Structures are given as C-alpha cells and as structure tokens.
Amino acid sequence: MKTLVLDEQQIQTAADILKNGGVVGIPTETVYGLAADALNGAAVAKIFQAKGRPMDNPLIVHIADFADIGRFRLVREVPESAKALAKAFWPGPLTMIMKRTDAVPPEVSAGLDTVAIRFPAHPVAQAIIRAADTPLAAPSANLSGSPSPTTARHVLNDMNGKIDAVLDGGASEVGVESTVITLAEGVPRVLRPGGVTVEMLREVLGAVEVDDAVLHQLREGAKAASPGMKYKHYAPRANVVLLKGSDEAYLNYVNAHAEEGVCALCCDEDLLSLSVKTVSLGRRGDYLTHARHLFDCLRKIDENGTIQTVYSRLPSTEGVGLAVYNRLIRAAGFEVIDLETI
C-alpha cells in the first residue's frame, strides 16, 4: 500500500486510483475516511470487504460543493432545511440524510431509500473529490468495530495490504465522526452526534429531535439509518466500562479496583489521584479536546499490550459531550456502572 504525501501529483495519483475503482484512505477534519467512487457499486463493495463491515450499515457520500448534489443527481429533492444547514455548517462535520435517486448504488445506502451526504472541510479531501470528479463514499478507515483512525498511521495499522493507498494529511482536527441528521421524514432528527451539536442545529432549524439510539442500543430488528447506530463500535480490544457518579466516587472506585491490567481513561485533574495506569483525554469538561483525543487514546490503550480493563467516567450529554458519550457507550457495549447504587 502506498503512503502519499500532500502535493498535486500525489493527489492526482489518489484520484486516478479512485477513478479506476480503487480504495484510498483520505484525511478529513473528523476522522480518516476509506474512500471509493460513490457511483460505482463494485468499488463501494471493496470498502465493506476491507473493513469487514456488515453490508446493512450505510455509508456517507462526500462532495466538494453544494452544487454536486444536483450535478450528480444524488437526491430527489433538496429540502429548504438542507439549504439552511448547508449555509450554516458546510463545509464541515455535518451529514444530512435525504431521499436518494437511482444514481446512488444500493451498496452505499444499504438498501435504504435515503442517502447520507457531507461536504468535508479538509482541503485535501476536497481536492481529491474534485480531482476524481465524482462523489466519494467514505466511512472511517478502520477495521469495523475498532476505534476510528485520526492519523494516517492508524489507517496503516488497520488497512495495510487491504487498500490501494493512504494520503497523509496530519491529525484530524475534530476527532470524532460527523453529526448525522435525517431530513427525510417529519421533524429533523439527529441519528449520530458530532462536532455540530444539537444546540447548534436547533439555532438554525428550531425543532430538532434526538434519536433514542444516540444514547441507547438500537431496538431489536430495527434498520440502521446512519453509520454508528446498530453495532458495537469504536471499541479497543480491552474491555471498556463506564462509571456514572461524582468525581470522588469515580476515583474511589477505580483505586479500589487497582489490579494488574486495569487502566483509567480520565481527565488531567485525576492523574495524581489514581493508582492505576492512566490515559488522559484532557482537562475536565473540555469535550472539544476529549473528542479530538478519544480514538487516539483508545488506540494507545491497545498499543500498551497489557491493559485488559478500562474504567472511564461517563461524559456529559451537553454540547460536544454528547458525541463523546455516544462513542464511549458503544465502545463499552453499553456497560455502565452507576456508582450511586452500589
């Protein structure tokens, strides 16, 4: 697998691979994506094969201009709500779901009648899309279920030998996947939280609902309308356990379980009070930083090689904290210990 540096020639090399039905790891401001020509079903199928991703888990289509939606006939109709959100947040970490046309292969939408679309802010991602002259389907460039990649090194660790190339664009700025909102039915509804918060969306649209699957497991038999809804995701090999309670209760519980193979995923303020291995997300309450560091921290835990259990405090569900909460609760397989009840 080639590692391409950031210059015009290498961007064109990546674009040529994509035009010919190949798969390339590309940087975005959220996480690294595993890109293929979104209008080529056979190319998109290679993404699922490389990731080991279930075929009923839909992908996001990435564009480099709002006009690409109409140019490539991606949706049946662009609602006014989509235009308002695009004006406020595109390019950026927001994905909008709308009713798709037949131009979008069923492999992209997992057989649904909708398509998820995003205009990424990363200049390299935009340059590759323009050079390839096609929208790109691009889920996170990791093995399915494992922590998402925020550096080219993470992509190499997971995808070496499985894809054609990876383009190194430095560390991802946001650090968690985009916010996903569906505009395809009734009141706009957030299916996956991210850097564009529910509060920000409500400032533009007014009424915005939050899907129950953001905080809880998807109901048995329900179809995933967005990536990140249905399966256990973002998980290191170590077992992640979330602890709900006060700062003091968190510290006391972790220290009472200070056994070999235990690690605390914590905040800077906790470091001197813990008697186990520690990995810090940043200062307490700084959820923008926590989001940026989360997946790198989870990967460092696995790289340690000796950690079997990770105790993390349960984040807030306000602002970007909701995105961190959503990723951690899935990494933990929804295992939460309420310290006030034990």
Protein backbone atom coordinates (compact mmCIF):
# COMPACT_ATOMS: atom_id res chain seq x y z
CA MET A 1 0.00 0.00 0.00
CA LYS A 2 1.32 3.44 -0.96
CA THR A 3 1.57 6.30 1.53
CA LEU A 4 1.09 9.51 -0.47
CA VAL A 5 2.32 12.93 0.64
CA LEU A 6 0.42 16.15 0.14
CA ASP A 7 1.24 17.58 -3.26
CA GLU A 8 -0.70 17.98 -6.51
CA GLN A 9 0.89 14.96 -8.15
CA GLN A 10 0.03 12.61 -5.28
CA ILE A 11 -3.50 13.96 -5.00
CA GLN A 12 -3.89 13.20 -8.71
CA THR A 13 -2.44 9.71 -8.13
CA ALA A 14 -5.08 9.11 -5.44
CA ALA A 15 -7.79 10.47 -7.75
CA ASP A 16 -6.68 8.14 -10.57
CA ILE A 17 -6.86 5.15 -8.20
CA LEU A 18 -10.41 6.16 -7.27
CA LYS A 19 -11.44 6.69 -10.91
CA ASN A 20 -10.26 3.16 -11.66
CA GLY A 21 -12.37 1.61 -8.92
CA GLY A 22 -9.75 1.54 -6.17
CA VAL A 23 -9.93 2.40 -2.46
CA VAL A 24 -7.87 5.14 -0.79
CA GLY A 25 -7.54 6.30 2.82
CA ILE A 26 -8.08 10.07 2.89
CA PRO A 27 -7.87 12.71 5.62
CA THR A 28 -10.92 14.67 6.72
CA GLU A 29 -11.41 17.07 9.61
CA THR A 30 -13.44 14.45 11.52
CA VAL A 31 -11.55 11.14 11.09
CA TYR A 32 -9.74 9.47 8.19
CA GLY A 33 -12.10 8.03 5.59
CA LEU A 34 -11.89 4.93 3.40
CA ALA A 35 -12.88 6.36 0.03
CA ALA A 36 -14.22 4.86 -3.18
CA ASP A 37 -16.23 6.19 -6.12
CA ALA A 38 -19.73 6.54 -4.63
CA LEU A 39 -21.38 5.98 -8.03
CA ASN A 40 -19.55 2.69 -8.63
CA GLY A 41 -21.21 -0.12 -6.68
CA ALA A 42 -18.35 -2.56 -7.29
CA ALA A 43 -15.82 -0.06 -5.92
CA VAL A 44 -18.01 0.65 -2.89
CA ALA A 45 -18.22 -3.09 -2.16
CA LYS A 46 -14.42 -3.10 -1.73
CA ILE A 47 -14.82 -0.73 1.25
CA PHE A 48 -17.00 -3.27 3.05
CA GLN A 49 -14.53 -6.04 2.26
CA ALA A 50 -11.50 -4.06 3.52
CA LYS A 51 -13.22 -3.02 6.76
CA GLY A 52 -15.04 -6.28 7.42
CA ARG A 53 -18.13 -4.08 7.61
CA PRO A 54 -21.67 -5.52 7.58
CA MET A 55 -23.41 -4.70 4.30
CA ASP A 56 -26.51 -3.40 6.11
CA ASN A 57 -24.52 -0.46 7.56
CA PRO A 58 -24.94 2.57 5.22
CA LEU A 59 -22.11 4.83 4.07
CA ILE A 60 -21.77 8.61 3.76
CA VAL A 61 -21.28 10.26 0.36
CA HIS A 62 -18.72 13.09 0.35
CA ILE A 63 -18.95 16.02 -2.07
CA ALA A 64 -16.79 19.10 -2.73
CA ASP A 65 -19.52 21.64 -3.48
CA PHE A 66 -23.19 22.00 -2.54
CA ALA A 67 -23.94 22.01 -6.30
CA ASP A 68 -22.60 18.44 -6.53
CA ILE A 69 -25.89 17.21 -5.05
CA GLY A 70 -27.71 18.32 -8.19
CA ARG A 71 -24.82 17.76 -10.59
CA PHE A 72 -24.63 14.06 -9.74
CA ARG A 73 -28.40 13.71 -9.11
CA LEU A 74 -27.87 12.30 -5.63
CA VAL A 75 -31.27 13.17 -4.13
CA ARG A 76 -34.84 13.51 -5.36
CA GLU A 77 -35.33 16.91 -3.75
CA VAL A 78 -33.24 19.24 -1.60
CA PRO A 79 -35.47 20.48 1.24
CA GLU A 80 -35.22 24.06 2.49
CA SER A 81 -33.92 22.71 5.81
CA ALA A 82 -30.93 21.22 3.98
CA LYS A 83 -30.16 24.54 2.31
CA ALA A 84 -30.29 26.32 5.67
CA LEU A 85 -27.99 23.77 7.32
CA ALA A 86 -25.55 23.84 4.41
CA LYS A 87 -25.33 27.63 4.64
CA ALA A 88 -24.61 27.40 8.36
CA PHE A 89 -22.32 24.36 8.61
CA TRP A 90 -20.91 23.31 5.21
CA PRO A 91 -18.15 22.62 4.58
CA GLY A 92 -17.88 20.95 7.97
CA PRO A 93 -18.66 17.97 10.20
CA LEU A 94 -22.36 17.65 9.37
CA THR A 95 -24.02 14.87 7.34
CA MET A 96 -27.57 15.25 6.02
CA ILE A 97 -29.82 12.35 5.04
CA MET A 98 -32.28 12.86 2.18
CA LYS A 99 -34.26 10.69 -0.23
CA ARG A 100 -31.86 9.23 -2.81
CA THR A 101 -32.18 8.75 -6.55
CA ASP A 102 -31.26 5.62 -8.51
CA ALA A 103 -27.91 7.26 -9.31
CA VAL A 104 -26.77 6.20 -5.83
CA PRO A 105 -25.93 2.46 -5.81
CA PRO A 106 -27.76 0.37 -3.19
CA GLU A 107 -24.37 -0.65 -1.75
CA VAL A 108 -23.94 2.93 -0.49
CA SER A 109 -27.29 3.15 1.27
CA ALA A 110 -27.52 -0.46 2.47
CA GLY A 111 -30.74 -0.86 0.50
CA LEU A 112 -32.45 2.15 2.11
CA ASP A 113 -34.27 4.77 0.01
CA THR A 114 -32.12 7.52 1.52
CA VAL A 115 -28.55 8.76 1.14
CA ALA A 116 -26.28 10.49 3.66
CA ILE A 117 -24.28 13.42 2.23
CA ARG A 118 -21.43 15.50 3.64
CA PHE A 119 -19.23 18.35 2.36
CA PRO A 120 -15.97 17.94 4.34
CA ALA A 121 -13.94 20.97 5.38
CA HIS A 122 -10.50 19.35 4.96
CA PRO A 123 -8.81 20.91 1.89
CA VAL A 124 -7.15 17.63 0.92
CA ALA A 125 -10.45 15.75 0.95
CA GLN A 126 -11.98 18.47 -1.21
CA ALA A 127 -9.03 18.38 -3.63
CA ILE A 128 -9.26 14.61 -4.04
CA ILE A 129 -13.02 14.73 -4.70
CA ARG A 130 -12.54 17.44 -7.32
CA ALA A 131 -9.64 15.63 -8.97
CA ALA A 132 -11.57 12.35 -9.07
CA ASP A 133 -14.59 14.25 -10.42
CA THR A 134 -17.04 12.05 -8.54
CA PRO A 135 -18.61 11.91 -5.07
CA LEU A 136 -16.78 9.59 -2.69
CA ALA A 137 -18.34 7.07 -0.34
CA ALA A 138 -16.13 7.12 2.75
CA PRO A 139 -16.73 5.52 6.14
CA SER A 140 -13.99 5.67 8.76
CA ALA A 141 -10.79 3.96 7.58
CA ASN A 142 -10.56 1.35 10.35
CA LEU A 143 -11.44 -2.29 10.81
CA SER A 144 -15.16 -2.46 11.57
CA GLY A 145 -15.92 -2.02 15.26
CA SER A 146 -12.47 -0.76 16.29
CA PRO A 147 -11.56 2.84 17.24
CA SER A 148 -11.73 5.20 14.29
CA PRO A 149 -8.44 6.50 12.80
CA THR A 150 -7.38 10.11 13.30
CA THR A 151 -3.92 9.78 11.72
CA ALA A 152 -2.51 8.10 8.62
CA ARG A 153 -0.54 5.78 10.94
CA HIS A 154 -3.83 4.50 12.38
CA VAL A 155 -5.03 3.74 8.84
CA LEU A 156 -1.81 1.89 8.03
CA ASN A 157 -2.13 -0.17 11.20
CA ASP A 158 -5.61 -1.36 10.22
CA MET A 159 -5.57 -1.31 6.42
CA ASN A 160 -2.07 -2.20 5.24
CA GLY A 161 -2.45 -4.68 2.37
CA LYS A 162 -6.22 -4.20 2.22
CA ILE A 163 -6.46 -0.93 0.21
CA ASP A 164 -4.51 0.77 -2.58
CA ALA A 165 -3.12 3.85 -0.82
CA VAL A 166 -3.44 6.28 2.08
CA LEU A 167 -2.87 10.02 1.84
CA ASP A 168 -1.29 11.57 4.94
CA GLY A 169 -2.98 14.85 5.87
CA GLY A 170 -1.89 15.09 9.50
CA ALA A 171 -4.03 14.53 12.59
CA SER A 172 -7.80 15.04 12.31
CA GLU A 173 -8.96 18.27 13.92
CA VAL A 174 -12.42 17.24 15.20
CA GLY A 175 -11.53 13.65 16.13
CA VAL A 176 -15.00 12.07 16.03
CA GLU A 177 -17.22 11.33 13.05
CA SER A 178 -19.65 13.90 11.69
CA THR A 179 -23.04 14.71 13.15
CA VAL A 180 -25.75 12.89 11.15
CA ILE A 181 -29.23 14.41 10.86
CA THR A 182 -32.08 12.96 8.83
CA LEU A 183 -34.27 15.35 6.86
CA ALA A 184 -36.10 12.53 5.10
CA GLU A 185 -39.09 12.26 7.41
CA GLY A 186 -41.03 14.66 9.65
CA VAL A 187 -39.12 16.64 12.28
CA PRO A 188 -35.34 16.67 11.63
CA ARG A 189 -33.71 14.05 13.86
CA VAL A 190 -30.11 13.56 14.94
CA LEU A 191 -29.01 9.95 14.40
CA ARG A 192 -25.37 10.42 15.41
CA PRO A 193 -23.92 13.35 17.38
CA GLY A 194 -20.66 15.04 16.40
CA GLY A 195 -18.90 18.38 16.20
CA VAL A 196 -22.06 20.20 15.09
CA THR A 197 -24.09 19.97 18.28
CA VAL A 198 -27.83 19.51 18.76
CA GLU A 199 -27.93 23.01 20.26
CA MET A 200 -26.31 24.48 17.12
CA LEU A 201 -28.76 22.64 14.86
CA ARG A 202 -31.73 23.95 16.83
CA GLU A 203 -30.48 27.51 16.40
CA VAL A 204 -30.91 27.05 12.63
CA LEU A 205 -33.94 24.76 12.35
CA GLY A 206 -35.85 25.23 15.60
CA ALA A 207 -37.31 21.80 16.37
CA VAL A 208 -34.71 19.03 16.19
CA GLU A 209 -35.20 15.62 17.81
CA VAL A 210 -32.52 13.24 19.06
CA ASP A 211 -32.97 9.60 18.09
CA ASP A 212 -33.25 7.18 21.01
CA ALA A 213 -30.37 5.15 19.51
CA VAL A 214 -27.94 8.03 20.19
CA LEU A 215 -27.90 7.13 23.89
CA HIS A 216 -29.23 3.57 23.83
CA GLN A 217 -28.95 0.36 21.83
CA LEU A 218 -30.88 0.23 18.58
CA ARG A 219 -34.15 -1.66 19.06
CA GLU A 220 -34.10 -5.34 18.10
CA GLY A 221 -34.85 -5.74 14.39
CA ALA A 222 -34.62 -2.01 13.60
CA LYS A 223 -32.66 -0.97 10.48
CA ALA A 224 -29.70 1.38 10.90
CA ALA A 225 -30.47 4.64 9.07
CA SER A 226 -26.98 6.00 9.76
CA PRO A 227 -23.47 4.69 10.38
CA GLY A 228 -22.68 4.16 14.05
CA MET A 229 -26.19 3.16 15.14
CA LYS A 230 -26.52 -0.59 15.01
CA TYR A 231 -23.36 -2.34 16.12
CA LYS A 232 -20.80 -2.14 18.89
CA HIS A 233 -18.37 0.45 17.58
CA TYR A 234 -15.15 2.29 18.39
CA ALA A 235 -14.01 -0.44 20.81
CA PRO A 236 -10.42 -1.27 21.74
CA ARG A 237 -9.51 -4.88 22.47
CA ALA A 238 -9.57 -4.03 26.19
CA ASN A 239 -12.95 -4.10 27.93
CA VAL A 240 -14.33 -0.58 28.45
CA VAL A 241 -16.55 0.05 31.49
CA LEU A 242 -18.25 3.41 32.05
CA LEU A 243 -18.67 4.76 35.58
CA LYS A 244 -21.54 7.11 36.41
CA GLY A 245 -21.13 9.24 39.52
CA SER A 246 -19.24 12.10 41.18
CA ASP A 247 -15.53 12.78 40.69
CA GLU A 248 -14.83 11.39 44.15
CA ALA A 249 -16.88 8.24 43.52
CA TYR A 250 -15.06 7.65 40.22
CA LEU A 251 -11.62 7.96 41.81
CA ASN A 252 -12.54 5.77 44.76
CA TYR A 253 -13.99 3.02 42.57
CA VAL A 254 -11.00 2.90 40.22
CA ASN A 255 -8.50 2.88 43.07
CA ALA A 256 -10.45 0.07 44.76
CA HIS A 257 -10.01 -1.96 41.56
CA ALA A 258 -6.30 -1.19 41.07
CA GLU A 259 -5.36 -4.60 39.73
CA GLU A 260 -2.89 -5.68 37.07
CA GLY A 261 -4.24 -4.88 33.60
CA VAL A 262 -6.50 -2.01 34.76
CA CYS A 263 -6.33 1.46 33.20
CA ALA A 264 -8.27 4.69 33.80
CA LEU A 265 -9.40 6.78 30.83
CA CYS A 266 -9.56 10.01 32.78
CA CYS A 267 -9.02 13.78 32.88
CA ASP A 268 -5.86 15.74 33.64
CA GLU A 269 -7.15 16.64 37.10
CA ASP A 270 -7.44 12.94 38.02
CA LEU A 271 -3.88 11.88 37.23
CA LEU A 272 -2.30 12.43 40.65
CA SER A 273 -5.22 10.79 42.48
CA LEU A 274 -5.25 7.47 40.63
CA SER A 275 -3.15 4.41 41.48
CA VAL A 276 -3.55 2.63 38.12
CA LYS A 277 -2.22 3.20 34.61
CA THR A 278 -3.82 6.35 33.16
CA VAL A 279 -4.62 7.80 29.75
CA SER A 280 -5.98 11.35 29.84
CA LEU A 281 -8.46 12.88 27.40
CA GLY A 282 -7.65 16.43 28.58
CA ARG A 283 -8.99 18.86 31.15
CA ARG A 284 -12.28 18.06 32.86
CA GLY A 285 -15.28 19.35 30.91
CA ASP A 286 -13.25 20.25 27.78
CA TYR A 287 -15.23 17.99 25.47
CA LEU A 288 -13.83 19.50 22.27
CA THR A 289 -10.40 18.26 23.38
CA HIS A 290 -11.85 14.96 24.61
CA ALA A 291 -13.40 14.37 21.18
CA ARG A 292 -10.12 15.19 19.44
CA HIS A 293 -8.15 12.76 21.63
CA LEU A 294 -10.68 9.96 22.22
CA PHE A 295 -9.83 7.50 19.45
CA ASP A 296 -6.10 8.08 19.74
CA CYS A 297 -6.37 7.34 23.48
CA LEU A 298 -8.31 4.12 22.86
CA ARG A 299 -5.67 3.01 20.35
CA LYS A 300 -2.85 3.82 22.79
CA ILE A 301 -4.55 1.59 25.35
CA ASP A 302 -4.36 -1.33 22.93
CA GLU A 303 -0.77 -0.48 21.95
CA ASN A 304 0.20 -0.84 25.61
CA GLY A 305 -0.42 -4.57 25.25
CA THR A 306 -1.10 -5.29 28.93
CA ILE A 307 -4.37 -3.46 29.57
CA GLN A 308 -7.45 -5.65 29.88
CA THR A 309 -10.00 -3.34 31.55
CA VAL A 310 -10.54 0.41 31.05
CA TYR A 311 -12.59 2.45 33.51
CA SER A 312 -13.89 5.71 32.06
CA ARG A 313 -16.14 8.32 33.60
CA LEU A 314 -19.50 8.82 31.86
CA PRO A 315 -19.38 12.12 29.93
CA SER A 316 -21.97 14.87 29.94
CA THR A 317 -24.61 14.81 27.19
CA GLU A 318 -24.41 18.57 26.63
CA GLY A 319 -22.78 20.06 23.54
CA VAL A 320 -19.93 18.02 22.07
CA GLY A 321 -20.06 15.91 25.23
CA LEU A 322 -22.97 14.07 23.61
CA ALA A 323 -20.66 12.89 20.80
CA VAL A 324 -18.06 11.65 23.30
CA TYR A 325 -20.82 9.93 25.33
CA ASN A 326 -22.20 8.27 22.18
CA ARG A 327 -18.80 6.89 21.15
CA LEU A 328 -17.83 5.70 24.62
CA ILE A 329 -21.12 3.98 25.39
CA ARG A 330 -20.77 1.99 22.18
CA ALA A 331 -17.12 1.24 22.84
CA ALA A 332 -18.27 -0.12 26.21
CA GLY A 333 -21.04 -2.22 24.69
CA PHE A 334 -23.45 -0.17 26.87
CA GLU A 335 -21.83 -1.40 30.12
CA VAL A 336 -22.39 1.37 32.70
CA ILE A 337 -21.96 1.08 36.46
CA ASP A 338 -23.99 3.60 38.48
CA LEU A 339 -21.74 4.33 41.48
CA GLU A 340 -24.64 5.80 43.44
CA THR A 341 -26.44 2.44 43.52
CA ILE A 342 -23.60 0.14 44.61
